[in-house]
Amino acid sequence: MNDDPEPDWKLKLRYGRLTTPFQHYFVLAEGVAGALRAGFDCPAGPAFMGMKAWAASPEEARHMAAVIGRDIGFDANGRIDIYEAEASQPPRENPFGYDIRFTPFNEDGRQ
């Protein structure tokens, strides 16, 4: 079952029938997970947060990761890498982040 609000949004975006001032990014933030908000799961301690985002710029996506992470209970206190990526949700009227996931790691970098 396809639960996209408009199943052909990717084609419309590709061919200019759907436009947006935003670009799509994947954000990978290093930091520390604390007591995460309900709906999110990660042991407390060092972790990576991955997030997909529609944003106006890489800088805005970086800022969004820090703010959204903080709201969830994650302190993005390390490196934040931004990559252009294919979207799995259509753009909206405003920037937004989605598909947020956490991966814990040891201080020596191992999961």
PDB file of N, CA and C in Angstrom:
ATOM      1  N   MET A   1       0.850  -1.185   0.000  1.00  0.00           N
ATOM      2  CA  MET A   1       0.000   0.000   0.000  1.00  0.00           C
ATOM      3  C   MET A   1       0.891   1.241   0.000  1.00  0.00           C
ATOM      4  N   ASN A   2       0.579   2.187  -0.835  1.00  0.00           N
ATOM      5  CA  ASN A   2       1.334   3.431  -0.937  1.00  0.00           C
ATOM      6  C   ASN A   2       0.578   4.504  -0.169  1.00  0.00           C
ATOM      7  N   ASP A   3       1.229   5.078   0.856  1.00  0.00           N
ATOM      8  CA  ASP A   3       0.534   6.093   1.648  1.00  0.00           C
ATOM      9  C   ASP A   3       1.040   7.499   1.343  1.00  0.00           C
ATOM     10  N   ASP A   4       1.715   7.685   0.190  1.00  0.00           N
ATOM     11  CA  ASP A   4       2.079   9.032  -0.237  1.00  0.00           C
ATOM     12  C   ASP A   4       0.797   9.811  -0.501  1.00  0.00           C
ATOM     13  N   PRO A   5       0.737  11.092  -0.094  1.00  0.00           N
ATOM     14  CA  PRO A   5      -0.464  11.871  -0.347  1.00  0.00           C
ATOM     15  C   PRO A   5      -0.715  12.016  -1.851  1.00  0.00           C
ATOM     16  N   GLU A   6       0.328  12.041  -2.619  1.00  0.00           N
ATOM     17  CA  GLU A   6       0.225  12.123  -4.078  1.00  0.00           C
ATOM     18  C   GLU A   6       1.308  11.210  -4.631  1.00  0.00           C
ATOM     19  N   PRO A   7       0.931  10.015  -5.109  1.00  0.00           N
ATOM     20  CA  PRO A   7       1.916   9.004  -5.459  1.00  0.00           C
ATOM     21  C   PRO A   7       2.943   9.422  -6.524  1.00  0.00           C
ATOM     22  N   ASP A   8       2.613  10.352  -7.371  1.00  0.00           N
ATOM     23  CA  ASP A   8       3.556  10.724  -8.436  1.00  0.00           C
ATOM     24  C   ASP A   8       4.301  12.026  -8.140  1.00  0.00           C
ATOM     25  N   TRP A   9       4.442  12.383  -6.868  1.00  0.00           N
ATOM     26  CA  TRP A   9       5.104  13.638  -6.506  1.00  0.00           C
ATOM     27  C   TRP A   9       6.557  13.669  -6.961  1.00  0.00           C
ATOM     28  N   LYS A  10       7.246  12.529  -6.962  1.00  0.00           N
ATOM     29  CA  LYS A  10       8.649  12.508  -7.390  1.00  0.00           C
ATOM     30  C   LYS A  10       8.783  12.857  -8.867  1.00  0.00           C
ATOM     31  N   LEU A  11       7.887  12.330  -9.679  1.00  0.00           N
ATOM     32  CA  LEU A  11       7.913  12.658 -11.112  1.00  0.00           C
ATOM     33  C   LEU A  11       7.590  14.133 -11.337  1.00  0.00           C
ATOM     34  N   LYS A  12       6.599  14.631 -10.627  1.00  0.00           N
ATOM     35  CA  LYS A  12       6.237  16.044 -10.764  1.00  0.00           C
ATOM     36  C   LYS A  12       7.386  16.947 -10.333  1.00  0.00           C
ATOM     37  N   LEU A  13       8.095  16.573  -9.277  1.00  0.00           N
ATOM     38  CA  LEU A  13       9.238  17.349  -8.811  1.00  0.00           C
ATOM     39  C   LEU A  13      10.367  17.299  -9.845  1.00  0.00           C
ATOM     40  N   ARG A  14      10.646  16.130 -10.367  1.00  0.00           N
ATOM     41  CA  ARG A  14      11.721  15.955 -11.346  1.00  0.00           C
ATOM     42  C   ARG A  14      11.473  16.781 -12.616  1.00  0.00           C
ATOM     43  N   TYR A  15      10.230  16.833 -13.054  1.00  0.00           N
ATOM     44  CA  TYR A  15       9.920  17.517 -14.326  1.00  0.00           C
ATOM     45  C   TYR A  15       9.360  18.919 -14.147  1.00  0.00           C
ATOM     46  N   GLY A  16       9.470  19.474 -12.946  1.00  0.00           N
ATOM     47  CA  GLY A  16       9.126  20.866 -12.724  1.00  0.00           C
ATOM     48  C   GLY A  16       7.655  21.174 -12.564  1.00  0.00           C
ATOM     49  N   ARG A  17       6.812  20.167 -12.466  1.00  0.00           N
ATOM     50  CA  ARG A  17       5.385  20.420 -12.255  1.00  0.00           C
ATOM     51  C   ARG A  17       5.071  20.641 -10.777  1.00  0.00           C
ATOM     52  N   LEU A  18       6.019  20.251  -9.926  1.00  0.00           N
ATOM     53  CA  LEU A  18       5.973  20.531  -8.501  1.00  0.00           C
ATOM     54  C   LEU A  18       7.275  21.258  -8.185  1.00  0.00           C
ATOM     55  N   THR A  19       7.160  22.421  -7.597  1.00  0.00           N
ATOM     56  CA  THR A  19       8.370  23.187  -7.285  1.00  0.00           C
ATOM     57  C   THR A  19       8.453  23.463  -5.794  1.00  0.00           C
ATOM     58  N   THR A  20       9.678  23.661  -5.347  1.00  0.00           N
ATOM     59  CA  THR A  20       9.926  23.963  -3.943  1.00  0.00           C
ATOM     60  C   THR A  20      11.192  24.800  -3.846  1.00  0.00           C
ATOM     61  N   PRO A  21      11.255  25.698  -2.886  1.00  0.00           N
ATOM     62  CA  PRO A  21      12.493  26.460  -2.697  1.00  0.00           C
ATOM     63  C   PRO A  21      13.528  25.662  -1.900  1.00  0.00           C
ATOM     64  N   PHE A  22      13.190  24.427  -1.513  1.00  0.00           N
ATOM     65  CA  PHE A  22      14.048  23.633  -0.644  1.00  0.00           C
ATOM     66  C   PHE A  22      14.810  22.562  -1.419  1.00  0.00           C
ATOM     67  N   GLN A  23      15.903  22.125  -0.815  1.00  0.00           N
ATOM     68  CA  GLN A  23      16.677  20.991  -1.293  1.00  0.00           C
ATOM     69  C   GLN A  23      16.514  19.877  -0.268  1.00  0.00           C
ATOM     70  N   HIS A  24      16.752  18.650  -0.714  1.00  0.00           N
ATOM     71  CA  HIS A  24      16.629  17.530   0.206  1.00  0.00           C
ATOM     72  C   HIS A  24      18.014  17.070   0.645  1.00  0.00           C
ATOM     73  N   TYR A  25      18.144  16.819   1.953  1.00  0.00           N
ATOM     74  CA  TYR A  25      19.428  16.436   2.533  1.00  0.00           C
ATOM     75  C   TYR A  25      19.273  15.250   3.477  1.00  0.00           C
ATOM     76  N   PHE A  26      20.401  14.552   3.672  1.00  0.00           N
ATOM     77  CA  PHE A  26      20.531  13.600   4.764  1.00  0.00           C
ATOM     78  C   PHE A  26      21.550  14.197   5.713  1.00  0.00           C
ATOM     79  N   VAL A  27      21.199  14.253   6.997  1.00  0.00           N
ATOM     80  CA  VAL A  27      22.054  14.848   8.015  1.00  0.00           C
ATOM     81  C   VAL A  27      22.508  13.741   8.971  1.00  0.00           C
ATOM     82  N   LEU A  28      23.813  13.709   9.232  1.00  0.00           N
ATOM     83  CA  LEU A  28      24.368  12.759  10.186  1.00  0.00           C
ATOM     84  C   LEU A  28      25.082  13.552  11.272  1.00  0.00           C
ATOM     85  N   ALA A  29      24.535  13.504  12.484  1.00  0.00           N
ATOM     86  CA  ALA A  29      25.058  14.299  13.593  1.00  0.00           C
ATOM     87  C   ALA A  29      25.633  13.392  14.674  1.00  0.00           C
ATOM     88  N   GLU A  30      26.812  13.757  15.152  1.00  0.00           N
ATOM     89  CA  GLU A  30      27.447  13.041  16.256  1.00  0.00           C
ATOM     90  C   GLU A  30      27.115  13.773  17.549  1.00  0.00           C
ATOM     91  N   GLY A  31      26.817  13.009  18.599  1.00  0.00           N
ATOM     92  CA  GLY A  31      26.505  13.654  19.870  1.00  0.00           C
ATOM     93  C   GLY A  31      26.247  12.665  20.972  1.00  0.00           C
ATOM     94  N   VAL A  32      25.404  13.079  21.903  1.00  0.00           N
ATOM     95  CA  VAL A  32      25.101  12.268  23.075  1.00  0.00           C
ATOM     96  C   VAL A  32      23.584  12.168  23.235  1.00  0.00           C
ATOM     97  N   ALA A  33      23.105  10.934  23.304  1.00  0.00           N
ATOM     98  CA  ALA A  33      21.684  10.691  23.553  1.00  0.00           C
ATOM     99  C   ALA A  33      21.443  10.708  25.053  1.00  0.00           C
ATOM    100  N   GLY A  34      20.419  11.424  25.440  1.00  0.00           N
ATOM    101  CA  GLY A  34      20.002  11.438  26.838  1.00  0.00           C
ATOM    102  C   GLY A  34      18.701  10.671  26.960  1.00  0.00           C
ATOM    103  N   ALA A  35      17.815  11.149  27.794  1.00  0.00           N
ATOM    104  CA  ALA A  35      16.478  10.574  27.908  1.00  0.00           C
ATOM    105  C   ALA A  35      15.673  11.075  26.709  1.00  0.00           C
ATOM    106  N   LEU A  36      15.492  10.207  25.729  1.00  0.00           N
ATOM    107  CA  LEU A  36      14.823  10.610  24.492  1.00  0.00           C
ATOM    108  C   LEU A  36      13.310  10.663  24.667  1.00  0.00           C
ATOM    109  N   ARG A  37      12.709  11.565  23.924  1.00  0.00           N
ATOM    110  CA  ARG A  37      11.256  11.731  23.908  1.00  0.00           C
ATOM    111  C   ARG A  37      10.597  10.424  23.443  1.00  0.00           C
ATOM    112  N   ALA A  38       9.393  10.189  23.884  1.00  0.00           N
ATOM    113  CA  ALA A  38       8.641   8.999  23.490  1.00  0.00           C
ATOM    114  C   ALA A  38       8.622   8.856  21.973  1.00  0.00           C
ATOM    115  N   GLY A  39       8.781   7.638  21.507  1.00  0.00           N
ATOM    116  CA  GLY A  39       8.789   7.360  20.078  1.00  0.00           C
ATOM    117  C   GLY A  39      10.192   7.227  19.510  1.00  0.00           C
ATOM    118  N   PHE A  40      11.207   7.558  20.308  1.00  0.00           N
ATOM    119  CA  PHE A  40      12.596   7.441  19.887  1.00  0.00           C
ATOM    120  C   PHE A  40      13.314   6.517  20.849  1.00  0.00           C
ATOM    121  N   ASP A  41      14.270   5.745  20.323  1.00  0.00           N
ATOM    122  CA  ASP A  41      14.940   4.760  21.146  1.00  0.00           C
ATOM    123  C   ASP A  41      16.436   4.767  20.887  1.00  0.00           C
ATOM    124  N   CYS A  42      17.205   4.892  21.962  1.00  0.00           N
ATOM    125  CA  CYS A  42      18.658   4.796  21.904  1.00  0.00           C
ATOM    126  C   CYS A  42      19.159   4.770  23.333  1.00  0.00           C
ATOM    127  N   PRO A  43      20.118   3.880  23.631  1.00  0.00           N
ATOM    128  CA  PRO A  43      20.699   3.920  24.975  1.00  0.00           C
ATOM    129  C   PRO A  43      21.367   5.269  25.220  1.00  0.00           C
ATOM    130  N   ALA A  44      21.354   5.706  26.455  1.00  0.00           N
ATOM    131  CA  ALA A  44      22.011   6.967  26.796  1.00  0.00           C
ATOM    132  C   ALA A  44      23.509   6.833  26.541  1.00  0.00           C
ATOM    133  N   GLY A  45      24.087   7.882  25.981  1.00  0.00           N
ATOM    134  CA  GLY A  45      25.521   7.894  25.723  1.00  0.00           C
ATOM    135  C   GLY A  45      25.824   8.341  24.305  1.00  0.00           C
ATOM    136  N   PRO A  46      27.072   8.141  23.861  1.00  0.00           N
ATOM    137  CA  PRO A  46      27.481   8.585  22.528  1.00  0.00           C
ATOM    138  C   PRO A  46      26.626   7.928  21.438  1.00  0.00           C
ATOM    139  N   ALA A  47      26.216   8.725  20.464  1.00  0.00           N
ATOM    140  CA  ALA A  47      25.358   8.204  19.396  1.00  0.00           C
ATOM    141  C   ALA A  47      25.444   9.101  18.165  1.00  0.00           C
ATOM    142  N   PHE A  48      24.999   8.543  17.062  1.00  0.00           N
ATOM    143  CA  PHE A  48      24.789   9.315  15.846  1.00  0.00           C
ATOM    144  C   PHE A  48      23.291   9.471  15.646  1.00  0.00           C
ATOM    145  N   MET A  49      22.877  10.619  15.175  1.00  0.00           N
ATOM    146  CA  MET A  49      21.489  10.848  14.790  1.00  0.00           C
ATOM    147  C   MET A  49      21.464  11.055  13.285  1.00  0.00           C
ATOM    148  N   GLY A  50      20.681  10.257  12.593  1.00  0.00           N
ATOM    149  CA  GLY A  50      20.468  10.432  11.160  1.00  0.00           C
ATOM    150  C   GLY A  50      19.099  11.029  10.943  1.00  0.00           C
ATOM    151  N   MET A  51      19.011  11.972  10.012  1.00  0.00           N
ATOM    152  CA  MET A  51      17.737  12.642   9.749  1.00  0.00           C
ATOM    153  C   MET A  51      17.671  13.044   8.284  1.00  0.00           C
ATOM    154  N   LYS A  52      16.532  12.844   7.671  1.00  0.00           N
ATOM    155  CA  LYS A  52      16.275  13.378   6.338  1.00  0.00           C
ATOM    156  C   LYS A  52      15.629  14.739   6.520  1.00  0.00           C
ATOM    157  N   ALA A  53      15.925  15.665   5.618  1.00  0.00           N
ATOM    158  CA  ALA A  53      15.386  17.016   5.799  1.00  0.00           C
ATOM    159  C   ALA A  53      15.177  17.728   4.471  1.00  0.00           C
ATOM    160  N   TRP A  54      14.100  18.455   4.400  1.00  0.00           N
ATOM    161  CA  TRP A  54      13.893  19.444   3.354  1.00  0.00           C
ATOM    162  C   TRP A  54      14.280  20.784   3.979  1.00  0.00           C
ATOM    163  N   ALA A  55      15.277  21.456   3.393  1.00  0.00           N
ATOM    164  CA  ALA A  55      15.768  22.715   3.954  1.00  0.00           C
ATOM    165  C   ALA A  55      16.226  23.633   2.825  1.00  0.00           C
ATOM    166  N   ALA A  56      16.352  24.922   3.139  1.00  0.00           N
ATOM    167  CA  ALA A  56      16.753  25.914   2.140  1.00  0.00           C
ATOM    168  C   ALA A  56      18.244  25.852   1.824  1.00  0.00           C
ATOM    169  N   SER A  57      19.040  25.290   2.746  1.00  0.00           N
ATOM    170  CA  SER A  57      20.488  25.245   2.542  1.00  0.00           C
ATOM    171  C   SER A  57      21.085  24.178   3.460  1.00  0.00           C
ATOM    172  N   PRO A  58      22.323  23.779   3.189  1.00  0.00           N
ATOM    173  CA  PRO A  58      22.984  22.853   4.110  1.00  0.00           C
ATOM    174  C   PRO A  58      23.097  23.430   5.522  1.00  0.00           C
ATOM    175  N   GLU A  59      23.323  24.732   5.622  1.00  0.00           N
ATOM    176  CA  GLU A  59      23.422  25.366   6.936  1.00  0.00           C
ATOM    177  C   GLU A  59      22.105  25.270   7.695  1.00  0.00           C
ATOM    178  N   GLU A  60      20.994  25.462   6.984  1.00  0.00           N
ATOM    179  CA  GLU A  60      19.696  25.338   7.647  1.00  0.00           C
ATOM    180  C   GLU A  60      19.463  23.894   8.085  1.00  0.00           C
ATOM    181  N   ALA A  61      19.845  22.916   7.268  1.00  0.00           N
ATOM    182  CA  ALA A  61      19.693  21.508   7.640  1.00  0.00           C
ATOM    183  C   ALA A  61      20.532  21.189   8.879  1.00  0.00           C
ATOM    184  N   ARG A  62      21.732  21.737   8.955  1.00  0.00           N
ATOM    185  CA  ARG A  62      22.607  21.546  10.122  1.00  0.00           C
ATOM    186  C   ARG A  62      21.939  22.134  11.377  1.00  0.00           C
ATOM    187  N   HIS A  63      21.414  23.337  11.247  1.00  0.00           N
ATOM    188  CA  HIS A  63      20.735  23.987  12.370  1.00  0.00           C
ATOM    189  C   HIS A  63      19.492  23.188  12.786  1.00  0.00           C
ATOM    190  N   MET A  64      18.737  22.713  11.819  1.00  0.00           N
ATOM    191  CA  MET A  64      17.543  21.919  12.116  1.00  0.00           C
ATOM    192  C   MET A  64      17.907  20.667  12.909  1.00  0.00           C
ATOM    193  N   ALA A  65      18.998  19.988  12.520  1.00  0.00           N
ATOM    194  CA  ALA A  65      19.413  18.772  13.226  1.00  0.00           C
ATOM    195  C   ALA A  65      19.728  19.082  14.683  1.00  0.00           C
ATOM    196  N   ALA A  66      20.429  20.185  14.927  1.00  0.00           N
ATOM    197  CA  ALA A  66      20.772  20.557  16.299  1.00  0.00           C
ATOM    198  C   ALA A  66      19.516  20.872  17.114  1.00  0.00           C
ATOM    199  N   VAL A  67      18.602  21.638  16.544  1.00  0.00           N
ATOM    200  CA  VAL A  67      17.395  22.047  17.267  1.00  0.00           C
ATOM    201  C   VAL A  67      16.435  20.870  17.466  1.00  0.00           C
ATOM    202  N   ILE A  68      16.199  20.102  16.411  1.00  0.00           N
ATOM    203  CA  ILE A  68      15.299  18.951  16.526  1.00  0.00           C
ATOM    204  C   ILE A  68      15.899  17.922  17.474  1.00  0.00           C
ATOM    205  N   GLY A  69      17.198  17.680  17.338  1.00  0.00           N
ATOM    206  CA  GLY A  69      17.867  16.742  18.242  1.00  0.00           C
ATOM    207  C   GLY A  69      17.700  17.144  19.694  1.00  0.00           C
ATOM    208  N   ARG A  70      17.933  18.412  19.986  1.00  0.00           N
ATOM    209  CA  ARG A  70      17.794  18.924  21.357  1.00  0.00           C
ATOM    210  C   ARG A  70      16.364  18.714  21.863  1.00  0.00           C
ATOM    211  N   ASP A  71      15.379  18.954  20.985  1.00  0.00           N
ATOM    212  CA  ASP A  71      13.979  18.783  21.369  1.00  0.00           C
ATOM    213  C   ASP A  71      13.665  17.318  21.692  1.00  0.00           C
ATOM    214  N   ILE A  72      14.343  16.398  21.025  1.00  0.00           N
ATOM    215  CA  ILE A  72      14.124  14.964  21.244  1.00  0.00           C
ATOM    216  C   ILE A  72      14.873  14.457  22.477  1.00  0.00           C
ATOM    217  N   GLY A  73      15.997  15.107  22.817  1.00  0.00           N
ATOM    218  CA  GLY A  73      16.815  14.656  23.936  1.00  0.00           C
ATOM    219  C   GLY A  73      18.211  14.258  23.505  1.00  0.00           C
ATOM    220  N   PHE A  74      18.651  14.764  22.361  1.00  0.00           N
ATOM    221  CA  PHE A  74      19.960  14.456  21.794  1.00  0.00           C
ATOM    222  C   PHE A  74      20.776  15.740  21.701  1.00  0.00           C
ATOM    223  N   ASP A  75      21.994  15.714  22.222  1.00  0.00           N
ATOM    224  CA  ASP A  75      22.885  16.871  22.155  1.00  0.00           C
ATOM    225  C   ASP A  75      23.875  16.659  21.011  1.00  0.00           C
ATOM    226  N   ALA A  76      23.667  17.356  19.911  1.00  0.00           N
ATOM    227  CA  ALA A  76      24.556  17.261  18.751  1.00  0.00           C
ATOM    228  C   ALA A  76      25.794  18.096  19.034  1.00  0.00           C
ATOM    229  N   ASN A  77      26.743  17.518  19.774  1.00  0.00           N
ATOM    230  CA  ASN A  77      27.915  18.271  20.210  1.00  0.00           C
ATOM    231  C   ASN A  77      29.177  17.928  19.426  1.00  0.00           C
ATOM    232  N   GLY A  78      29.024  17.178  18.352  1.00  0.00           N
ATOM    233  CA  GLY A  78      30.173  16.792  17.536  1.00  0.00           C
ATOM    234  C   GLY A  78      29.983  17.226  16.090  1.00  0.00           C
ATOM    235  N   ARG A  79      30.552  16.464  15.239  1.00  0.00           N
ATOM    236  CA  ARG A  79      30.500  16.750  13.812  1.00  0.00           C
ATOM    237  C   ARG A  79      29.086  16.548  13.264  1.00  0.00           C
ATOM    238  N   ILE A  80      28.675  17.431  12.360  1.00  0.00           N
ATOM    239  CA  ILE A  80      27.389  17.293  11.672  1.00  0.00           C
ATOM    240  C   ILE A  80      27.681  17.331  10.177  1.00  0.00           C
ATOM    241  N   ASP A  81      27.473  16.199   9.513  1.00  0.00           N
ATOM    242  CA  ASP A  81      27.712  16.094   8.078  1.00  0.00           C
ATOM    243  C   ASP A  81      26.394  16.189   7.324  1.00  0.00           C
ATOM    244  N   ILE A  82      26.431  16.877   6.195  1.00  0.00           N
ATOM    245  CA  ILE A  82      25.245  17.089   5.372  1.00  0.00           C
ATOM    246  C   ILE A  82      25.499  16.503   3.983  1.00  0.00           C
ATOM    247  N   TYR A  83      24.556  15.732   3.476  1.00  0.00           N
ATOM    248  CA  TYR A  83      24.663  15.125   2.155  1.00  0.00           C
ATOM    249  C   TYR A  83      23.385  15.400   1.369  1.00  0.00           C
ATOM    250  N   GLU A  84      23.517  15.706   0.094  1.00  0.00           N
ATOM    251  CA  GLU A  84      22.326  15.773  -0.749  1.00  0.00           C
ATOM    252  C   GLU A  84      21.832  14.349  -0.914  1.00  0.00           C
ATOM    253  N   ALA A  85      20.524  14.160  -0.851  1.00  0.00           N
ATOM    254  CA  ALA A  85      19.962  12.809  -0.878  1.00  0.00           C
ATOM    255  C   ALA A  85      18.596  12.807  -1.540  1.00  0.00           C
ATOM    256  N   GLU A  86      18.193  11.640  -2.004  1.00  0.00           N
ATOM    257  CA  GLU A  86      16.863  11.490  -2.592  1.00  0.00           C
ATOM    258  C   GLU A  86      15.823  11.496  -1.479  1.00  0.00           C
ATOM    259  N   ALA A  87      14.737  12.157  -1.732  1.00  0.00           N
ATOM    260  CA  ALA A  87      13.667  12.281  -0.740  1.00  0.00           C
ATOM    261  C   ALA A  87      12.766  11.053  -0.737  1.00  0.00           C
ATOM    262  N   SER A  88      12.234  10.742   0.433  1.00  0.00           N
ATOM    263  CA  SER A  88      11.223   9.695   0.526  1.00  0.00           C
ATOM    264  C   SER A  88       9.879  10.269   0.959  1.00  0.00           C
ATOM    265  N   GLN A  89       9.851  11.591   1.227  1.00  0.00           N
ATOM    266  CA  GLN A  89       8.606  12.305   1.481  1.00  0.00           C
ATOM    267  C   GLN A  89       8.618  13.569   0.629  1.00  0.00           C
ATOM    268  N   PRO A  90       7.450  14.008   0.173  1.00  0.00           N
ATOM    269  CA  PRO A  90       7.402  15.216  -0.651  1.00  0.00           C
ATOM    270  C   PRO A  90       7.689  16.475   0.169  1.00  0.00           C
ATOM    271  N   PRO A  91       8.129  17.533  -0.514  1.00  0.00           N
ATOM    272  CA  PRO A  91       8.346  18.797   0.207  1.00  0.00           C
ATOM    273  C   PRO A  91       7.020  19.354   0.704  1.00  0.00           C
ATOM    274  N   ARG A  92       7.127  20.218   1.698  1.00  0.00           N
ATOM    275  CA  ARG A  92       5.958  20.901   2.255  1.00  0.00           C
ATOM    276  C   ARG A  92       6.166  22.399   2.098  1.00  0.00           C
ATOM    277  N   GLU A  93       5.283  23.141   2.686  1.00  0.00           N
ATOM    278  CA  GLU A  93       5.362  24.596   2.611  1.00  0.00           C
ATOM    279  C   GLU A  93       6.542  25.143   3.409  1.00  0.00           C
ATOM    280  N   ASN A  94       6.938  24.435   4.477  1.00  0.00           N
ATOM    281  CA  ASN A  94       8.030  24.866   5.343  1.00  0.00           C
ATOM    282  C   ASN A  94       9.091  23.773   5.437  1.00  0.00           C
ATOM    283  N   PRO A  95      10.319  24.133   5.818  1.00  0.00           N
ATOM    284  CA  PRO A  95      11.358  23.117   6.023  1.00  0.00           C
ATOM    285  C   PRO A  95      10.926  22.145   7.115  1.00  0.00           C
ATOM    286  N   PHE A  96      11.370  20.884   7.005  1.00  0.00           N
ATOM    287  CA  PHE A  96      11.052  19.903   8.038  1.00  0.00           C
ATOM    288  C   PHE A  96      12.035  18.741   7.977  1.00  0.00           C
ATOM    289  N   GLY A  97      12.171  18.075   9.112  1.00  0.00           N
ATOM    290  CA  GLY A  97      13.000  16.883   9.217  1.00  0.00           C
ATOM    291  C   GLY A  97      12.122  15.674   9.482  1.00  0.00           C
ATOM    292  N   TYR A  98      12.577  14.507   9.036  1.00  0.00           N
ATOM    293  CA  TYR A  98      11.797  13.287   9.232  1.00  0.00           C
ATOM    294  C   TYR A  98      12.706  12.062   9.190  1.00  0.00           C
ATOM    295  N   ASP A  99      12.139  10.911   9.461  1.00  0.00           N
ATOM    296  CA  ASP A  99      12.856   9.635   9.456  1.00  0.00           C
ATOM    297  C   ASP A  99      14.105   9.718  10.333  1.00  0.00           C
ATOM    298  N   ILE A 100      13.919  10.168  11.561  1.00  0.00           N
ATOM    299  CA  ILE A 100      15.020  10.379  12.501  1.00  0.00           C
ATOM    300  C   ILE A 100      15.327   9.059  13.201  1.00  0.00           C
ATOM    301  N   ARG A 101      16.627   8.686  13.156  1.00  0.00           N
ATOM    302  CA  ARG A 101      17.058   7.433  13.774  1.00  0.00           C
ATOM    303  C   ARG A 101      18.364   7.648  14.529  1.00  0.00           C
ATOM    304  N   PHE A 102      18.562   6.834  15.545  1.00  0.00           N
ATOM    305  CA  PHE A 102      19.750   6.936  16.382  1.00  0.00           C
ATOM    306  C   PHE A 102      20.547   5.641  16.335  1.00  0.00           C
ATOM    307  N   THR A 103      21.861   5.770  16.331  1.00  0.00           N
ATOM    308  CA  THR A 103      22.771   4.641  16.385  1.00  0.00           C
ATOM    309  C   THR A 103      23.811   4.897  17.471  1.00  0.00           C
ATOM    310  N   PRO A 104      23.791   4.083  18.533  1.00  0.00           N
ATOM    311  CA  PRO A 104      24.780   4.299  19.595  1.00  0.00           C
ATOM    312  C   PRO A 104      26.161   3.818  19.145  1.00  0.00           C
ATOM    313  N   PHE A 105      27.211   4.364  19.769  1.00  0.00           N
ATOM    314  CA  PHE A 105      28.568   3.874  19.511  1.00  0.00           C
ATOM    315  C   PHE A 105      29.403   4.020  20.764  1.00  0.00           C
ATOM    316  N   ASN A 106      30.478   3.255  20.833  1.00  0.00           N
ATOM    317  CA  ASN A 106      31.434   3.376  21.945  1.00  0.00           C
ATOM    318  C   ASN A 106      32.349   4.534  21.666  1.00  0.00           C
ATOM    319  N   GLU A 107      33.013   5.008  22.701  1.00  0.00           N
ATOM    320  CA  GLU A 107      33.947   6.133  22.538  1.00  0.00           C
ATOM    321  C   GLU A 107      35.050   5.826  21.529  1.00  0.00           C
ATOM    322  N   ASP A 108      35.383   4.550  21.341  1.00  0.00           N
ATOM    323  CA  ASP A 108      36.434   4.206  20.377  1.00  0.00           C
ATOM    324  C   ASP A 108      35.881   4.097  18.952  1.00  0.00           C
ATOM    325  N   GLY A 109      34.597   4.446  18.777  1.00  0.00           N
ATOM    326  CA  GLY A 109      33.995   4.505  17.449  1.00  0.00           C
ATOM    327  C   GLY A 109      33.244   3.266  17.029  1.00  0.00           C
ATOM    328  N   ARG A 110      33.293   2.184  17.821  1.00  0.00           N
ATOM    329  CA  ARG A 110      32.579   0.958  17.459  1.00  0.00           C
ATOM    330  C   ARG A 110      31.125   1.031  17.922  1.00  0.00           C
ATOM    331  N   GLN A 111      30.256   0.384  17.154  1.00  0.00           N
ATOM    332  CA  GLN A 111      28.836   0.316  17.531  1.00  0.00           C
ATOM    333  C   GLN A 111      28.639  -0.704  18.630  1.00  0.00           C
TER     334      GLN A 111
END
